[in-house]
Protein backbone atom coordinates (compact mmCIF):
# COMPACT_ATOMS: atom_id res chain seq x y z
CA MET A 1 3.04 -17.37 -0.57
CA THR A 2 -0.61 -16.29 -0.77
CA GLY A 3 -3.27 -15.99 -3.47
CA LEU A 4 -3.29 -19.70 -4.32
CA GLU A 5 -6.10 -20.79 -2.01
CA HIS A 6 -8.61 -21.26 -4.86
CA LEU A 7 -6.21 -23.34 -6.97
CA SER A 8 -5.22 -26.98 -6.66
CA VAL A 9 -1.45 -26.80 -6.37
CA ILE A 10 0.61 -30.00 -6.40
CA GLY A 11 3.86 -28.27 -5.51
CA PHE A 12 6.42 -25.66 -6.49
CA PHE A 13 9.38 -25.32 -8.78
CA VAL A 14 12.04 -23.63 -6.65
CA TRP A 15 15.38 -22.06 -7.54
CA TRP A 16 17.67 -19.43 -6.11
CA SER A 17 20.40 -16.90 -6.74
CA ILE A 18 22.90 -16.41 -3.90
CA ARG A 19 25.06 -13.31 -3.70
CA GLU A 20 28.62 -13.52 -2.46
CA VAL A 21 28.54 -13.72 1.32
CA LYS A 22 30.94 -14.37 4.17
CA LEU A 23 29.24 -15.27 7.42
CA SER A 24 30.54 -16.62 10.69
CA GLU A 25 29.04 -19.86 11.98
CA LYS A 26 27.12 -17.91 14.63
CA GLU A 27 25.67 -15.48 12.07
CA LEU A 28 24.65 -18.22 9.64
CA GLN A 29 23.07 -20.45 12.28
CA ALA A 30 21.14 -17.44 13.62
CA ALA A 31 19.76 -16.70 10.14
CA ILE A 32 18.71 -20.33 9.67
CA THR A 33 17.01 -20.47 13.07
CA ALA A 34 15.29 -17.10 12.60
CA ALA A 35 13.70 -18.41 9.39
CA GLY A 36 12.24 -21.36 11.29
CA ILE A 37 14.34 -24.02 9.54
CA ASP A 38 15.16 -27.09 11.62
CA TYR A 39 18.79 -27.44 10.59
CA THR A 40 22.03 -27.45 12.55
CA LEU A 41 25.23 -26.62 10.74
CA PRO A 42 27.53 -29.66 10.53
CA GLU A 43 30.96 -29.51 12.08
CA ARG A 44 33.46 -27.76 9.83
CA LYS A 45 36.20 -29.99 8.44
CA PHE A 46 39.60 -28.34 8.11
CA ARG A 47 40.57 -30.71 5.29
CA THR A 48 37.80 -29.47 3.01
CA ILE A 49 38.77 -25.83 3.48
CA PHE A 50 42.45 -26.62 2.95
CA LEU A 51 41.88 -28.67 -0.21
CA ASP A 52 39.60 -25.93 -1.57
CA ALA A 53 42.44 -23.44 -0.97
CA VAL A 54 44.92 -25.69 -2.79
CA ARG A 55 42.59 -26.10 -5.78
CA TYR A 56 41.95 -22.37 -5.92
CA VAL A 57 45.64 -21.40 -5.85
CA GLN A 58 46.59 -24.14 -8.30
CA GLY A 59 43.86 -23.00 -10.69
CA GLN A 60 44.96 -19.39 -10.49
CA HIS A 61 48.70 -19.95 -10.81
CA SER A 62 49.41 -23.22 -12.65
CA ARG A 63 50.09 -21.28 -15.86
CA LYS A 64 52.47 -18.97 -14.07
CA GLY A 65 55.10 -21.60 -13.32
CA LEU A 66 53.81 -22.49 -9.87
CA LEU A 67 52.64 -26.06 -9.27
CA ILE A 68 51.28 -27.84 -6.19
CA ARG A 69 51.54 -31.63 -6.25
CA LYS A 70 50.24 -34.16 -3.71
CA ILE A 71 52.95 -36.47 -2.36
CA SER A 72 51.04 -38.41 0.30
CA LYS A 73 47.78 -38.30 2.20
CA GLU A 74 47.48 -39.90 5.62
CA LYS A 75 45.06 -39.56 8.53
CA GLU A 76 47.12 -36.94 10.35
CA LYS A 77 49.32 -35.57 7.57
CA TYR A 78 48.79 -34.37 4.01
CA VAL A 79 52.09 -33.72 2.21
CA PHE A 80 52.32 -31.55 -0.92
CA GLY A 81 55.31 -30.59 -3.00
CA LEU A 82 55.64 -26.95 -4.06
CA VAL A 83 57.19 -26.99 -7.50
CA ASP A 84 58.62 -24.18 -9.61
CA GLU A 85 58.45 -24.50 -13.38
CA SER A 86 61.02 -22.67 -15.50
CA ILE A 87 61.93 -22.57 -19.18
CA ASP A 88 65.42 -22.63 -20.61
CA LYS A 89 64.80 -20.41 -23.63
CA LYS A 90 68.08 -21.38 -25.23
CA THR A 91 67.38 -25.13 -25.25
CA GLN A 92 63.56 -24.79 -25.19
CA VAL A 93 63.38 -27.21 -22.27
CA LEU A 94 61.08 -27.10 -19.27
CA ASP A 95 62.64 -27.57 -15.86
CA TYR A 96 60.85 -28.46 -12.64
CA SER A 97 62.29 -27.87 -9.20
CA HIS A 98 60.81 -29.15 -5.94
CA SER A 99 61.36 -26.02 -3.86
CA ALA A 100 59.47 -26.69 -0.62
CA THR A 101 57.25 -29.22 1.13
CA MET A 102 53.89 -28.16 2.56
CA VAL A 103 52.37 -30.24 5.37
CA PHE A 104 48.78 -30.03 6.58
CA ASN A 105 47.28 -31.74 9.64
CA PRO A 106 43.55 -32.34 8.95
CA LEU A 107 42.86 -33.03 12.64
CA THR A 108 44.27 -29.81 14.07
CA GLY A 109 44.15 -27.56 10.99
CA ASP A 110 47.85 -26.73 11.28
CA LEU A 111 49.58 -25.77 8.01
CA THR A 112 53.38 -25.55 7.71
CA SER A 113 56.17 -25.47 5.12
CA ASP A 114 59.81 -26.49 5.50
CA TYR A 115 61.01 -23.56 3.36
CA PRO A 116 59.52 -20.16 2.47
CA HIS A 117 57.64 -20.31 -0.82
CA ARG A 118 55.13 -18.13 -2.66
CA ALA A 119 52.73 -21.04 -3.19
CA PHE A 120 52.62 -21.70 0.54
CA ASP A 121 51.91 -18.04 1.27
CA LEU A 122 49.05 -18.05 -1.26
CA VAL A 123 47.50 -21.29 0.06
CA LYS A 124 47.85 -20.18 3.69
CA ALA A 125 46.24 -16.80 2.97
CA GLN A 126 43.32 -18.44 1.16
CA TYR A 127 42.95 -21.07 3.89
CA GLU A 128 43.03 -18.54 6.74
CA GLU A 129 40.53 -16.27 4.96
CA TYR A 130 37.90 -18.98 4.64
CA LYS A 131 38.68 -21.20 7.63
CA ASP A 132 36.16 -19.52 9.91
CA VAL A 133 33.52 -18.27 7.45
CA TYR A 134 30.72 -19.65 5.31
CA THR A 135 30.39 -18.52 1.70
CA SER A 136 27.72 -18.60 -0.98
CA ASP A 137 28.86 -22.12 -1.92
CA HIS A 138 28.07 -23.29 1.61
CA ILE A 139 24.64 -21.63 1.42
CA ARG A 140 23.85 -23.58 -1.76
CA ASP A 141 24.99 -26.82 -0.11
CA ILE A 142 22.76 -26.11 2.89
CA LEU A 143 19.73 -25.46 0.66
CA LEU A 144 20.31 -28.73 -1.19
CA ASP A 145 20.88 -30.60 2.06
CA VAL A 146 17.56 -29.34 3.45
CA LEU A 147 15.67 -30.01 0.21
CA TYR A 148 17.04 -33.51 -0.27
CA GLN A 149 15.75 -34.46 3.17
CA GLN A 150 12.29 -34.09 1.59
CA GLN A 151 10.78 -35.74 -1.52
CA VAL A 152 12.35 -33.21 -3.86
CA VAL A 153 12.80 -33.79 -7.61
CA ASN A 154 15.72 -32.41 -9.60
CA VAL A 155 13.88 -30.97 -12.61
CA ARG A 156 17.01 -30.35 -14.72
CA SER A 157 19.76 -32.89 -15.32
CA HIS A 158 22.39 -30.37 -14.21
CA GLY A 159 20.40 -29.06 -11.24
CA GLY A 160 19.31 -25.52 -10.59
CA ILE A 161 15.53 -26.08 -10.49
CA TYR A 162 13.76 -28.42 -8.11
CA PHE A 163 10.18 -29.57 -7.58
CA LEU A 164 8.98 -29.49 -3.98
CA PRO A 165 5.58 -31.10 -3.21
CA ALA A 166 2.84 -28.85 -1.87
CA LYS A 167 2.97 -30.35 1.63
CA TYR A 168 6.35 -28.62 2.06
CA GLN A 169 5.06 -25.09 1.35
CA THR A 170 5.87 -23.98 4.90
CA LEU A 171 9.45 -25.13 4.41
CA ALA A 172 9.62 -23.35 1.04
CA ASP A 173 8.43 -20.13 2.69
CA SER A 174 11.09 -20.55 5.39
CA LEU A 175 13.81 -21.11 2.80
CA GLU A 176 12.65 -17.99 0.97
CA GLN A 177 12.84 -15.98 4.22
CA PHE A 178 16.31 -17.36 4.97
CA VAL A 179 17.77 -16.65 1.52
CA GLU A 180 16.34 -13.17 1.29
CA SER A 181 17.73 -12.34 4.74
CA LEU A 182 21.18 -12.60 3.13
CA GLY A 183 20.67 -9.33 1.25
CA ASP A 184 20.60 -9.34 -2.54
CA SER A 185 20.01 -13.10 -2.73
CA GLU A 186 16.71 -14.44 -4.08
CA PHE A 187 14.70 -17.62 -3.59
CA SER A 188 11.99 -18.11 -6.22
CA MET A 189 8.90 -20.33 -6.18
CA ALA A 190 6.64 -21.12 -9.13
CA PRO A 191 3.44 -23.00 -8.17
CA GLN A 192 2.56 -26.02 -10.28
CA ILE A 193 -1.15 -26.47 -10.86
CA ASP A 194 -2.69 -29.95 -10.62
CA SER A 195 -2.87 -30.92 -14.29
CA GLU A 196 -1.85 -33.89 -16.39
CA LYS A 197 0.76 -31.76 -18.17
CA SER A 198 2.40 -30.69 -14.92
CA LYS A 199 2.37 -34.23 -13.53
CA LEU A 200 3.86 -35.63 -16.73
CA ALA A 201 6.76 -33.13 -16.61
CA ILE A 202 7.48 -33.94 -12.96
CA HIS A 203 7.19 -37.69 -13.57
CA ARG A 204 9.68 -37.54 -16.44
CA ALA A 205 12.13 -35.52 -14.35
CA LEU A 206 11.78 -37.88 -11.38
CA MET A 207 12.32 -41.01 -13.47
CA SER A 208 15.34 -39.50 -15.23
CA SER A 209 16.88 -38.40 -11.93
CA LEU A 210 16.34 -41.80 -10.27
CA ARG A 211 17.76 -43.69 -13.25
CA ASP A 212 20.86 -41.49 -13.20
CA GLN A 213 21.30 -42.27 -9.50
CA MET A 214 20.87 -46.01 -10.10
CA ASP A 215 23.46 -45.94 -12.89
CA LYS A 216 25.88 -44.09 -10.62
CA TYR A 217 25.41 -46.59 -7.78
CA GLN A 218 25.83 -49.53 -10.17
CA GLY A 219 29.05 -48.04 -11.48
CA GLU A 220 30.37 -47.70 -7.95
CA LEU A 221 29.48 -51.31 -7.17
CA ASP A 222 31.33 -52.50 -10.25
CA ASP A 223 34.45 -50.73 -8.98
CA GLU A 224 36.12 -53.24 -6.66
CA SER A 225 38.00 -50.42 -4.89
CA VAL A 226 34.73 -49.03 -3.48
CA ASN A 227 34.40 -51.14 -0.36
CA ARG A 228 34.65 -48.82 2.62
CA PRO A 229 32.04 -49.77 5.27
CA THR A 230 31.05 -46.15 5.93
CA ALA A 231 30.40 -45.52 2.23
CA LEU A 232 28.40 -48.74 1.84
CA LYS A 233 26.29 -47.99 4.93
CA ARG A 234 25.64 -44.49 3.59
CA ARG A 235 24.43 -46.02 0.33
CA ILE A 236 21.91 -48.17 2.21
CA GLU A 237 20.53 -45.02 3.90
CA GLU A 238 20.31 -43.32 0.50
CA PHE A 239 18.45 -46.32 -0.91
CA LYS A 240 15.89 -45.98 1.88
CA GLN A 241 15.35 -42.33 0.99
CA ILE A 242 14.89 -43.21 -2.68
CA ARG A 243 12.43 -45.93 -1.76
CA ASP A 244 10.46 -43.43 0.36
CA THR A 245 10.46 -40.97 -2.54
CA ILE A 246 9.15 -43.59 -4.97
CA ALA A 247 6.44 -44.57 -2.48
CA PHE A 248 5.44 -40.95 -1.92
CA TYR A 249 4.99 -40.10 -5.60
CA SER A 250 3.33 -43.42 -6.35
CA GLU A 251 0.70 -42.67 -3.72
CA ALA A 252 0.38 -38.89 -4.02
CA MET A 253 0.41 -38.59 -7.81
CA ALA A 254 -0.20 -42.16 -9.00
CA PHE A 255 3.24 -42.28 -10.62
CA GLU A 256 4.43 -45.57 -12.09
CA ALA A 257 7.90 -46.54 -10.91
CA GLY A 258 8.54 -49.01 -13.73
CA ASP A 259 11.59 -51.17 -13.08
CA LEU A 260 13.14 -48.75 -10.58
CA SER A 261 11.87 -50.56 -7.48
CA ASP A 262 13.37 -53.84 -8.72
CA ARG A 263 16.68 -52.13 -9.60
CA LEU A 264 16.76 -50.52 -6.17
CA ALA A 265 16.16 -53.86 -4.44
CA ALA A 266 18.94 -55.49 -6.47
CA LEU A 267 21.35 -52.69 -5.66
CA GLN A 268 20.56 -52.87 -1.94
CA ALA A 269 21.11 -56.63 -1.95
CA ALA A 270 24.45 -56.19 -3.71
CA VAL A 271 25.58 -53.49 -1.26
CA THR A 272 24.49 -55.62 1.70
CA ASP A 273 26.45 -58.60 0.37
CA LYS A 274 29.50 -56.43 -0.19
CA LEU A 275 29.25 -55.02 3.34
CA SER A 276 28.89 -58.45 4.95
CA ALA A 277 31.98 -59.68 3.07
CA ILE A 278 34.25 -57.01 4.55
C-alpha cells in the first residue's frame, strides 16, 4: 500500500471476502510461499474432515427421515448409528430403526459400514470430496492463524474486522497478495491515522476482546471436567501471547490495561495449580 508516507498511521483495519475454492495442499502452500508469508500448512487431520462431513449430511437430511447418531468415540474407532425415521400415518407415531453402523478410523482415515445405507453413501461422498482439498473455510482459518500470531485486535465482537499495527504492514501486503491470488477473493486494508479518536476505538475493542477471553478461560477453569494436560499447557501459551499483546499496546499506544494484567496472572496461577495436580 502506497500514498501514506506523509501520514502518521498507527495500523490498519483489515477484512476479507473469500470465494469458494478447492485447492490441493501443494497448490495452497505454493500460493502462501509465493506471497512471502512464513507459514507452513499444518498436518491434515482425517477426523476433522470426517466430522465435518457428518455434520453436513446430518444438516441436509435430518428432516428427511435420515439420522446419524454417535454411539462411541475412541482413539482408533468412531462408531455412528445410521437411523431411519418413519411415520405410521394411521397411528400418528414416529418409528426409528437402527439400519446400519458406520465406523471411522481417525488414524488411517478408513470409513466403513456393516450394511449398505444411503447415509453412509452421502457421508463417504462428502468425506472423499474434501479429504484432499482445502476450501474457503480453511483459507479463513489460515488468515486468522497468521494474524493471531501478531498483536492483532478483533474490532467486532463477532469477528470479521481486525486491527493490525503499522509495524505489520509488510505482512498485510503479503496477505493481500495471497488472497487476491485466489481469483475473485479480496483482502481489504483501511489505514488508521494516529489520532485520539482512532486510539480510543482500538483501545475499547482490545479491552472488550481481552475481557471476553478472560471470561471464557475462567468458565473453563470452573468446569472440573476440563483438566487435560495438553489443553492446560495450551492455555499457558495463550496467556503468554495475551501478556505480550497487553505489553505491546501499553508501550506503543500508552493503553491502560486496567485489571486485566491481574486477572491474567490469577488465571495463569490457577491453570498452573491445576496442571501440577494432575
